Structures are given as C-alpha cells and as structure tokens.
Amino acid sequence: MNVPNTAPELFTWEFATDPYPAYAWLREHSPVHWTKLPSGVEAWLVTRYTDARQALADGRLSKNPAHHAEDAHGKSRTGIPGERSANLMTHLLNIDPPDHTRLRRLVSKAFTPRRIAQFAPRVQELTDGLIDRFAGTGEADLIHDFAFPLPIYAICDLLGVPAEDQDDFRDWAGMMIRHGGGPRGGVARSVKKMRGYLAELIHRKRDDLSDDLISGLIRASDHGEHLTENEAAAMCFVLLFAGFETTINLIGNGVHTLLHNPEQRAVLQGSIERGEHGLLDTGIEELLRFDGPVELATWRYATQPLSIGGRRIAAGDPVLVVLAAADRDPARFAEPDTLDLSRRDNQHLGYGHGIHYCLGAPLARLEGRTALETLMRRLPDLRLAADPAELRWRGGLIMRGLRSLPVEFTAR
C-alpha cells in the first residue's frame, strides 16, 4: 500500500476507490482530524482503533442532532436525507438513553438468536431463488441482480410488508442507493413515499396482527410501552435503511475482496466443498474488518468539551468515527492490510461498539454468510467480468459499496 507523503485529499472519487492509504496517513500524522466534508459540514475524523473504540462508547458523544452546534440549515446536512422533513427522526441512530434504551429493548425482541435461526431457511430460499434467475446466463451484475434484492426482500419479510408491495420498497431503496452520494432531493422524495406507506401499513396491521416485526411493535405499544406512531414508523424506516445497505455492501465488498485474493478464496471454497464451516465463520468477520460495509459510524455530537486522542473537542462539534481506518490499525491488528480468512483475534468495529452496536448485525451476518457460501458452491468459477480499474464505488459518507460488480461464470 502506497501511503501518501503529504496530507491526502479526502472524499474525492479517487479516494472512494481506495481510501486505505489516506487513512493510514491520518492514523500516523493526524489521528483525530478536523476536516470539511463534501456537504460543507466540518467534523472530527477519528481513525485509530483505541480512540475509535473509546469514542463509540463515550456517553458525552450524543447521537441527537440537536446537540450539533450548527444552525438549522447545517443540521439538515447531516443524518439520513429526508428523515427530518418526513418526521422520521425518532429512531435508534438519532437518540440517546433513556429513549434509546426503551426503543432498542422493544425492537431487539425481533432480533433474538432464536428468531434469526428460524429465519435462516427463508434467507436460503431467497438466495437460491435469486441465483436461479441468472445461473443459466453465465453472467450477472452481482450488485443489481443479487446483493441488492436479497436484503430488501429479507427485511420486508421480517417487517411484514406484503409480497405485492415489496417491489415498491425495492424501487424506493434503489433511489436511495443510486443517489445517496449526490443531491439529497431524490432520496428525500423516496423517504417520504416510504414513510407514507409505513404509516398506512401500521394502521392496517392494527386490525390484522401476525408474527412479524411491525405487529410486534404494535403489541408492545398496546401493552404500555408507549411507542408512538412516529416512533414505530421511524423504527421500521431505519431498519429498512440501515438493514439493506449494510448487507448489500457486505456481500458486494466480500465477493470483490475474494476475487482479488484468489489464494484465500480457493482455501475458502475448498472448505465449503468439504462441508466445513469454521473458515466461513471467521472469514465473514475478516471481510467485515478488511473492507467492511460501513466506512464511518453515524454522526455523533459532543455535549461538552472532551479529549479524544489528545485533541480537544468542543461542545457541539460533530465527531465521525472512521471504522474502516480503525479496522486497519497496525497497533491492533497484525498485518492489517493482508486478508486472512482464518484470523482469530478479530475484534473489529465493523458493526460498531457500545450501546449503539448494530442491532441487525446477526441478520446481516446470516445473509452475508448464506450469500457467499451459496455463490461459492453453485458458481465455483465465478470471476470478474470487467477491468478492476473501471469499477466504481458509490459516493456518500457513511457506507462503502460498489455501484456494480459484473461477473461471469459457467452457465448452469
């Protein structure tokens, strides 16, 4: 890896292709770095593992945008586009205890190990169904044809979105993915449509409760947990928004990484063919560390002056923990720029740390693990069908993922 000699330019299209040399420079020369983001908002970037882990669990760093020192216009340039105008702010990514504790307790009932295990056959069914659509053609765009629809349909099933409405969610989610790094207007319109639909669906389900997540939230509200309609809609929205894009990127980045590390891929493929699962389990964690789906943790705001990595953070300053930089910190991981699917000491921060640790991580792991295992088993000669230099990464601040991933294989 060629680490730049001088301060690198951040958040350009070239940077998005391979941000790791720039992050290596920041870790060494400016580990807590004040910068202006493409939106015009200024924020601290935290890049070392020890500092990142501390910041993620520091109660003085609030998730509530009300603590941002900026004016209303500045506040509107942070967070998920459209959530403010659509009245969807009261979700887990924007609140602190005690409201965060209450809402997380409610929704965590849907993500128990038992429930995720029960959902595994449906994830396998969705995975095989999507591969069936292109297996006979010998080529596919693994993002558009596979990594994108799989988590959309899975989370819709969990929420209880009727099958006839799920393609609408796919369209709205597609708008968010395509335009997440550009003008916020197109995303905001999709968010408003999704919000309107969720409000209507919650009303309908009150008269027809079942075993899905939305019904569970309604039951909790009816039994005195004081879940407002706005909170229910916001909760469903953030589960959709956070749930599908992280899994798209886990699958897309994971396949991309394996295609560029053929020796590691061959070892993994051999273990899958033998019916062994140990390397797949550690491999998913290594893929999350090496080139994970979430590049920066979501926004935090200092509620009082504090120190991170020897730098003084003022009250009201935004802080962004760079998970991608922390997970390649040589002070924490041996040979961090080398992919090692058998890595054991791998306490990566790919899904965060502390009370805001990603609630849907078990579901994302299940989907990523099922997707990679099935692809390796059913399409063993999968290979890249484009010049690696021509692949483009989606713009945006928080997530890291490919726009497309053209592949070819023997038609089956």
Protein backbone atom coordinates (compact mmCIF):
# COMPACT_ATOMS: atom_id res chain seq x y z
CA MET A 1 0.00 0.00 0.00
CA ASN A 2 1.41 3.37 -1.04
CA VAL A 3 0.83 5.79 1.84
CA PRO A 4 0.95 9.43 0.66
CA ASN A 5 3.85 11.63 1.85
CA THR A 6 1.66 14.69 2.36
CA ALA A 7 -1.85 15.24 3.65
CA PRO A 8 -4.18 13.40 1.26
CA GLU A 9 -7.27 14.83 -0.36
CA LEU A 10 -10.31 13.20 1.21
CA PHE A 11 -13.71 12.20 -0.16
CA THR A 12 -12.89 12.50 -3.85
CA TRP A 13 -13.91 9.82 -6.36
CA GLU A 14 -10.29 8.64 -6.41
CA PHE A 15 -10.29 8.43 -2.62
CA ALA A 16 -13.50 6.37 -2.69
CA THR A 17 -11.82 3.72 -4.88
CA ASP A 18 -9.18 3.01 -2.22
CA PRO A 19 -9.36 5.14 0.93
CA TYR A 20 -6.96 2.99 2.94
CA PRO A 21 -3.66 4.74 2.08
CA ALA A 22 -5.22 8.07 3.09
CA TYR A 23 -6.50 6.58 6.33
CA ALA A 24 -3.01 5.18 7.03
CA TRP A 25 -1.59 8.70 6.68
CA LEU A 26 -4.23 10.11 9.02
CA ARG A 27 -3.60 7.42 11.64
CA GLU A 28 0.10 8.29 11.66
CA HIS A 29 0.06 12.08 11.27
CA SER A 30 -3.40 13.35 12.32
CA PRO A 31 -5.36 10.58 14.04
CA VAL A 32 -8.11 12.94 15.22
CA HIS A 33 -8.50 15.17 12.19
CA TRP A 34 -10.66 18.26 11.66
CA THR A 35 -11.92 18.45 8.07
CA LYS A 36 -14.62 19.89 5.83
CA LEU A 37 -16.90 17.25 4.31
CA PRO A 38 -18.33 17.41 0.78
CA SER A 39 -21.63 18.68 2.25
CA GLY A 40 -19.81 21.68 3.72
CA VAL A 41 -20.20 20.44 7.29
CA GLU A 42 -17.00 20.39 9.35
CA ALA A 43 -16.30 17.44 11.64
CA TRP A 44 -13.65 15.47 13.50
CA LEU A 45 -12.49 12.16 11.97
CA VAL A 46 -11.27 9.57 14.50
CA THR A 47 -9.02 6.99 12.82
CA ARG A 48 -7.05 4.97 15.42
CA TYR A 49 -8.58 1.80 16.88
CA THR A 50 -8.15 2.71 20.56
CA ASP A 51 -9.58 6.20 20.06
CA ALA A 52 -12.40 4.88 17.88
CA ARG A 53 -13.46 2.27 20.42
CA GLN A 54 -13.41 4.91 23.17
CA ALA A 55 -15.47 7.37 21.12
CA LEU A 56 -18.10 4.80 20.15
CA ALA A 57 -18.82 4.09 23.82
CA ASP A 58 -18.44 7.66 25.19
CA GLY A 59 -21.72 8.92 26.65
CA ARG A 60 -20.58 12.52 26.13
CA LEU A 61 -20.92 11.99 22.39
CA SER A 62 -24.64 12.20 21.68
CA LYS A 63 -26.48 10.74 18.71
CA ASN A 64 -29.09 13.51 18.90
CA PRO A 65 -28.55 16.13 16.14
CA ALA A 66 -30.00 18.75 18.50
CA HIS A 67 -26.54 18.88 20.11
CA HIS A 68 -24.89 19.94 16.82
CA ALA A 69 -23.60 23.50 17.17
CA GLU A 70 -24.72 24.34 13.61
CA ASP A 71 -27.89 26.21 12.77
CA ALA A 72 -30.98 24.50 11.34
CA HIS A 73 -29.53 24.58 7.82
CA GLY A 74 -26.33 22.93 8.99
CA LYS A 75 -28.24 20.29 10.92
CA SER A 76 -30.21 19.41 7.77
CA ARG A 77 -26.96 18.39 6.03
CA THR A 78 -26.26 15.56 8.45
CA GLY A 79 -28.04 12.27 9.00
CA ILE A 80 -30.20 10.39 6.51
CA PRO A 81 -31.53 12.60 3.68
CA GLY A 82 -35.23 13.30 4.03
CA GLU A 83 -35.68 11.90 7.53
CA ARG A 84 -36.22 15.33 9.08
CA SER A 85 -38.86 16.55 6.61
CA ALA A 86 -40.60 13.15 6.72
CA ASN A 87 -40.84 13.27 10.54
CA LEU A 88 -38.68 10.14 10.89
CA MET A 89 -36.05 11.42 13.33
CA THR A 90 -37.03 9.38 16.40
CA HIS A 91 -35.09 6.21 15.59
CA LEU A 92 -32.12 4.42 17.15
CA LEU A 93 -29.49 6.29 15.12
CA ASN A 94 -30.63 9.69 16.42
CA ILE A 95 -31.47 9.26 20.10
CA ASP A 96 -29.76 8.70 23.45
CA PRO A 97 -30.81 6.93 26.65
CA PRO A 98 -33.37 6.65 28.15
CA ASP A 99 -35.40 6.77 24.89
CA HIS A 100 -32.75 4.75 23.08
CA THR A 101 -32.85 2.08 25.81
CA ARG A 102 -36.64 1.83 25.60
CA LEU A 103 -36.83 1.61 21.80
CA ARG A 104 -33.90 -0.78 21.49
CA ARG A 105 -35.48 -3.09 24.06
CA LEU A 106 -38.67 -3.19 22.01
CA VAL A 107 -37.12 -3.91 18.66
CA SER A 108 -34.42 -6.26 19.98
CA LYS A 109 -37.16 -8.85 20.54
CA ALA A 110 -37.24 -9.29 16.75
CA PHE A 111 -33.51 -9.97 16.51
CA THR A 112 -33.05 -12.73 19.07
CA PRO A 113 -30.71 -15.59 18.09
CA ARG A 114 -33.73 -17.90 18.04
CA ARG A 115 -35.70 -15.72 15.64
CA ILE A 116 -32.71 -15.24 13.32
CA ALA A 117 -32.09 -19.01 13.31
CA GLN A 118 -35.75 -19.58 12.40
CA PHE A 119 -35.36 -17.12 9.51
CA ALA A 120 -32.34 -18.94 8.04
CA PRO A 121 -34.34 -21.22 5.70
CA ARG A 122 -36.14 -18.21 4.22
CA VAL A 123 -32.81 -16.45 3.60
CA GLN A 124 -31.54 -19.60 1.85
CA GLU A 125 -34.72 -19.76 -0.23
CA LEU A 126 -34.35 -16.12 -1.29
CA THR A 127 -30.65 -16.63 -2.06
CA ASP A 128 -31.24 -19.68 -4.26
CA GLY A 129 -34.19 -18.03 -6.00
CA LEU A 130 -32.12 -15.00 -6.98
CA ILE A 131 -29.21 -17.13 -8.23
CA ASP A 132 -31.67 -19.27 -10.22
CA ARG A 133 -32.63 -16.17 -12.22
CA PHE A 134 -29.14 -15.68 -13.68
CA ALA A 135 -27.31 -19.00 -13.20
CA GLY A 136 -28.22 -20.12 -16.73
CA THR A 137 -26.94 -16.96 -18.42
CA GLY A 138 -23.25 -17.20 -17.48
CA GLU A 139 -23.10 -13.55 -16.39
CA ALA A 140 -24.61 -11.15 -13.88
CA ASP A 141 -24.20 -7.86 -12.10
CA LEU A 142 -23.88 -9.20 -8.57
CA ILE A 143 -24.97 -5.89 -7.04
CA HIS A 144 -28.12 -5.33 -9.09
CA ASP A 145 -29.11 -8.97 -9.56
CA PHE A 146 -28.19 -10.40 -6.18
CA ALA A 147 -26.69 -8.31 -3.36
CA PHE A 148 -29.32 -5.58 -3.68
CA PRO A 149 -32.60 -7.55 -3.80
CA LEU A 150 -31.63 -10.19 -1.19
CA PRO A 151 -31.64 -7.97 1.92
CA ILE A 152 -34.57 -5.89 0.65
CA TYR A 153 -36.83 -8.92 0.38
CA ALA A 154 -35.49 -10.37 3.63
CA ILE A 155 -36.13 -7.27 5.75
CA CYS A 156 -39.54 -6.77 4.11
CA ASP A 157 -40.44 -10.32 5.14
CA LEU A 158 -39.30 -9.67 8.71
CA LEU A 159 -41.24 -6.41 8.94
CA GLY A 160 -44.36 -7.95 7.44
CA VAL A 161 -44.54 -5.98 4.19
CA PRO A 162 -46.95 -7.86 1.89
CA ALA A 163 -45.29 -9.56 -1.08
CA GLU A 164 -47.28 -7.45 -3.57
CA ASP A 165 -45.78 -4.26 -2.08
CA GLN A 166 -42.16 -5.35 -1.83
CA ASP A 167 -41.19 -4.20 -5.32
CA ASP A 168 -42.20 -0.65 -4.30
CA PHE A 169 -39.70 -0.89 -1.46
CA ARG A 170 -37.10 -2.13 -3.92
CA ASP A 171 -37.72 0.96 -6.09
CA TRP A 172 -37.51 3.37 -3.14
CA ALA A 173 -34.39 1.67 -1.83
CA GLY A 174 -32.86 1.82 -5.30
CA MET A 175 -33.35 5.58 -5.36
CA MET A 176 -31.56 5.84 -2.00
CA ILE A 177 -28.65 3.72 -3.20
CA ARG A 178 -28.26 5.46 -6.58
CA HIS A 179 -28.41 8.98 -5.21
CA GLY A 180 -27.07 8.58 -1.68
CA GLY A 181 -23.89 10.47 -2.51
CA GLY A 182 -25.45 13.15 -4.69
CA PRO A 183 -28.33 15.61 -4.44
CA ARG A 184 -30.45 14.82 -1.40
CA GLY A 185 -33.76 15.71 -3.08
CA GLY A 186 -34.28 12.40 -4.89
CA VAL A 187 -33.56 10.45 -1.74
CA ALA A 188 -35.86 12.68 0.30
CA ARG A 189 -38.76 12.01 -2.07
CA SER A 190 -38.26 8.26 -1.71
CA VAL A 191 -38.06 8.61 2.06
CA LYS A 192 -41.38 10.48 2.10
CA LYS A 193 -43.05 7.80 0.00
CA MET A 194 -41.69 5.09 2.27
CA ARG A 195 -42.83 6.98 5.35
CA GLY A 196 -46.36 7.37 3.98
CA TYR A 197 -46.55 3.69 3.15
CA LEU A 198 -45.26 2.62 6.58
CA ALA A 199 -47.83 4.79 8.38
CA GLU A 200 -50.60 3.22 6.31
CA LEU A 201 -49.25 -0.30 6.88
CA ILE A 202 -49.08 0.22 10.66
CA HIS A 203 -52.74 1.30 10.64
CA ARG A 204 -53.73 -1.76 8.61
CA LYS A 205 -51.84 -4.17 10.84
CA ARG A 206 -53.59 -2.95 13.96
CA ASP A 207 -56.63 -4.83 12.69
CA ASP A 208 -54.70 -7.88 11.47
CA LEU A 209 -51.76 -8.65 13.77
CA SER A 210 -49.42 -11.53 12.88
CA ASP A 211 -45.91 -12.70 13.82
CA ASP A 212 -43.96 -10.01 12.01
CA LEU A 213 -41.88 -7.16 13.44
CA ILE A 214 -44.42 -4.40 12.82
CA SER A 215 -47.09 -6.42 14.61
CA GLY A 216 -44.65 -6.92 17.48
CA LEU A 217 -44.08 -3.18 17.78
CA ILE A 218 -47.84 -2.58 17.78
CA ARG A 219 -48.36 -5.19 20.51
CA ALA A 220 -45.64 -3.60 22.63
CA SER A 221 -47.27 -0.21 22.22
CA ASP A 222 -50.66 -1.61 23.14
CA HIS A 223 -49.19 -3.15 26.31
CA GLY A 224 -47.96 0.11 27.77
CA GLU A 225 -44.50 0.53 26.23
CA HIS A 226 -45.56 3.95 24.94
CA LEU A 227 -44.38 3.56 21.36
CA THR A 228 -45.82 6.45 19.35
CA GLU A 229 -46.87 6.10 15.74
CA ASN A 230 -43.96 8.30 14.67
CA GLU A 231 -41.56 6.12 16.65
CA ALA A 232 -42.97 2.96 15.08
CA ALA A 233 -42.68 4.40 11.55
CA ALA A 234 -39.18 5.74 12.22
CA MET A 235 -38.09 2.39 13.67
CA CYS A 236 -39.31 0.48 10.62
CA PHE A 237 -37.70 3.03 8.34
CA VAL A 238 -34.26 2.83 9.93
CA LEU A 239 -34.38 -0.98 9.98
CA LEU A 240 -35.01 -0.87 6.26
CA PHE A 241 -32.47 1.84 5.55
CA ALA A 242 -29.67 0.50 7.76
CA GLY A 243 -30.55 -3.14 7.19
CA PHE A 244 -30.44 -3.36 3.43
CA GLU A 245 -27.44 -1.21 2.53
CA THR A 246 -25.07 -2.76 5.06
CA THR A 247 -25.87 -6.23 3.72
CA ILE A 248 -25.61 -5.16 0.07
CA ASN A 249 -22.12 -3.89 0.81
CA LEU A 250 -21.12 -6.89 2.91
CA ILE A 251 -21.95 -9.20 0.00
CA GLY A 252 -20.59 -6.93 -2.75
CA ASN A 253 -17.40 -5.93 -0.94
CA GLY A 254 -16.92 -9.51 0.22
CA VAL A 255 -17.11 -11.01 -3.27
CA HIS A 256 -14.93 -8.21 -4.63
CA THR A 257 -12.30 -8.90 -1.96
CA LEU A 258 -12.32 -12.65 -2.59
CA LEU A 259 -11.96 -12.15 -6.35
CA HIS A 260 -8.85 -10.05 -5.67
CA ASN A 261 -7.40 -12.60 -3.25
CA PRO A 262 -7.58 -15.87 -5.22
CA GLU A 263 -5.45 -17.92 -2.80
CA GLN A 264 -7.69 -17.09 0.15
CA ARG A 265 -10.77 -17.66 -1.97
CA ALA A 266 -9.51 -21.10 -3.04
CA VAL A 267 -8.97 -22.13 0.58
CA LEU A 268 -12.48 -20.94 1.49
CA GLN A 269 -14.00 -22.69 -1.49
CA GLY A 270 -12.29 -25.93 -0.56
CA SER A 271 -13.63 -25.77 2.99
CA ILE A 272 -17.16 -25.12 1.71
CA GLU A 273 -16.93 -28.09 -0.67
CA ARG A 274 -15.92 -30.27 2.29
CA GLY A 275 -18.90 -29.08 4.28
CA GLU A 276 -16.74 -27.29 6.85
CA HIS A 277 -17.99 -24.01 8.29
CA GLY A 278 -15.22 -22.79 10.60
CA LEU A 279 -13.35 -20.83 7.93
CA LEU A 280 -16.60 -19.32 6.65
CA ASP A 281 -17.39 -18.07 10.16
CA THR A 282 -14.01 -16.43 10.71
CA GLY A 283 -13.96 -15.35 7.06
CA ILE A 284 -17.11 -13.26 7.37
CA GLU A 285 -15.55 -11.40 10.30
CA GLU A 286 -12.34 -10.84 8.34
CA LEU A 287 -14.26 -9.50 5.34
CA LEU A 288 -16.08 -7.13 7.70
CA ARG A 289 -12.71 -5.92 9.01
CA PHE A 290 -10.79 -5.80 5.75
CA ASP A 291 -13.27 -3.84 3.60
CA GLY A 292 -16.48 -3.60 5.57
CA PRO A 293 -19.86 -2.21 4.52
CA VAL A 294 -19.83 0.78 6.91
CA GLU A 295 -16.90 3.14 6.37
CA LEU A 296 -17.77 5.73 9.02
CA ALA A 297 -20.01 5.30 12.04
CA THR A 298 -23.09 7.52 12.02
CA TRP A 299 -22.94 11.04 13.41
CA ARG A 300 -22.11 11.92 17.00
CA TYR A 301 -22.07 15.35 18.66
CA ALA A 302 -20.08 16.44 21.71
CA THR A 303 -22.41 17.50 24.54
CA GLN A 304 -19.47 19.00 26.49
CA PRO A 305 -15.77 19.65 25.89
CA LEU A 306 -13.76 16.44 25.86
CA SER A 307 -10.47 14.99 24.66
CA ILE A 308 -10.01 12.21 22.08
CA GLY A 309 -6.51 11.11 21.14
CA GLY A 310 -5.04 14.22 22.74
CA ARG A 311 -7.20 16.60 20.69
CA ARG A 312 -9.68 18.92 22.38
CA ILE A 313 -13.23 18.53 21.08
CA ALA A 314 -15.55 21.48 21.69
CA ALA A 315 -19.16 21.12 22.77
CA GLY A 316 -21.37 20.94 19.69
CA ASP A 317 -18.63 19.58 17.40
CA PRO A 318 -19.61 16.64 15.17
CA VAL A 319 -17.46 13.51 15.51
CA LEU A 320 -17.24 10.77 12.89
CA VAL A 321 -15.51 7.54 13.86
CA VAL A 322 -13.79 6.05 10.79
CA LEU A 323 -14.41 2.34 11.22
CA ALA A 324 -12.51 1.50 8.03
CA ALA A 325 -9.39 3.23 9.37
CA ALA A 326 -9.64 1.75 12.86
CA ASP A 327 -10.01 -1.77 11.49
CA ARG A 328 -6.72 -1.47 9.58
CA ASP A 329 -4.78 -0.06 12.54
CA PRO A 330 -1.45 -1.95 12.82
CA ALA A 331 -1.39 -1.15 16.54
CA ARG A 332 -4.38 -3.50 16.94
CA PHE A 333 -4.24 -5.98 14.02
CA ALA A 334 -1.21 -7.90 12.79
CA GLU A 335 -0.62 -7.29 9.07
CA PRO A 336 -3.87 -5.32 8.79
CA ASP A 337 -3.65 -4.83 5.02
CA THR A 338 -3.45 -8.59 4.43
CA LEU A 339 -6.64 -10.63 4.09
CA ASP A 340 -6.52 -13.63 6.45
CA LEU A 341 -9.82 -15.51 6.50
CA SER A 342 -8.60 -17.64 9.41
CA ARG A 343 -7.81 -14.60 11.61
CA ARG A 344 -8.93 -15.36 15.18
CA ASP A 345 -8.08 -12.24 17.18
CA ASN A 346 -10.51 -10.09 15.25
CA GLN A 347 -12.45 -7.70 17.47
CA HIS A 348 -13.20 -5.41 14.56
CA LEU A 349 -15.53 -2.40 14.79
CA GLY A 350 -17.38 -3.15 11.55
CA TYR A 351 -20.77 -3.02 13.26
CA GLY A 352 -19.80 -0.50 15.93
CA HIS A 353 -19.32 -0.84 19.67
CA GLY A 354 -21.18 0.08 22.84
CA ILE A 355 -24.90 0.73 23.25
CA HIS A 356 -25.25 1.67 19.57
CA TYR A 357 -23.78 -1.60 18.30
CA CYS A 358 -25.73 -2.55 15.17
CA LEU A 359 -28.94 -4.28 16.23
CA GLY A 360 -29.29 -6.05 12.88
CA ALA A 361 -25.75 -7.46 12.83
CA PRO A 362 -26.89 -11.09 13.38
CA LEU A 363 -29.28 -10.83 10.42
CA ALA A 364 -26.62 -9.21 8.21
CA ARG A 365 -24.13 -11.94 9.13
CA LEU A 366 -26.70 -14.62 8.31
CA GLU A 367 -27.46 -13.06 4.92
CA GLY A 368 -23.79 -12.45 4.09
CA ARG A 369 -22.74 -15.92 5.16
CA THR A 370 -25.57 -17.59 3.22
CA ALA A 371 -24.92 -15.48 0.11
CA LEU A 372 -21.17 -16.15 -0.02
CA GLU A 373 -21.45 -19.85 0.76
CA THR A 374 -24.15 -20.37 -1.89
CA LEU A 375 -22.29 -18.37 -4.55
CA MET A 376 -19.06 -20.30 -3.94
CA ARG A 377 -20.91 -23.62 -4.03
CA ARG A 378 -23.18 -23.01 -7.02
CA LEU A 379 -20.90 -20.82 -9.16
CA PRO A 380 -17.41 -22.13 -8.30
CA ASP A 381 -15.67 -20.49 -11.29
CA LEU A 382 -17.11 -17.03 -10.61
CA ARG A 383 -14.77 -14.36 -11.99
CA LEU A 384 -14.71 -10.62 -12.56
CA ALA A 385 -16.04 -9.57 -15.97
CA ALA A 386 -14.60 -6.04 -16.02
CA ASP A 387 -11.30 -4.22 -15.73
CA PRO A 388 -10.81 -3.73 -11.96
CA ALA A 389 -9.82 -0.11 -12.62
CA GLU A 390 -13.23 0.54 -14.16
CA LEU A 391 -15.24 -0.47 -11.11
CA ARG A 392 -16.89 2.49 -9.40
CA TRP A 393 -17.76 2.93 -5.75
CA ARG A 394 -20.88 4.76 -4.68
CA GLY A 395 -20.38 8.26 -3.34
CA GLY A 396 -21.56 9.05 0.14
CA LEU A 397 -20.13 9.43 3.59
CA ILE A 398 -21.20 6.56 5.84
CA MET A 399 -21.44 3.45 3.67
CA ARG A 400 -18.84 1.85 1.39
CA GLY A 401 -20.07 -0.18 -1.56
CA LEU A 402 -19.73 -0.80 -5.27
CA ARG A 403 -22.14 0.59 -7.85
CA SER A 404 -21.91 -2.63 -9.84
CA LEU A 405 -19.94 -5.85 -9.87
CA PRO A 406 -20.02 -7.55 -13.30
CA VAL A 407 -19.13 -11.24 -13.10
CA GLU A 408 -19.12 -14.25 -15.42
CA PHE A 409 -19.16 -17.98 -14.82
CA THR A 410 -20.06 -21.27 -16.47
CA ALA A 411 -23.80 -21.25 -17.13
CA ARG A 412 -25.60 -23.85 -15.01
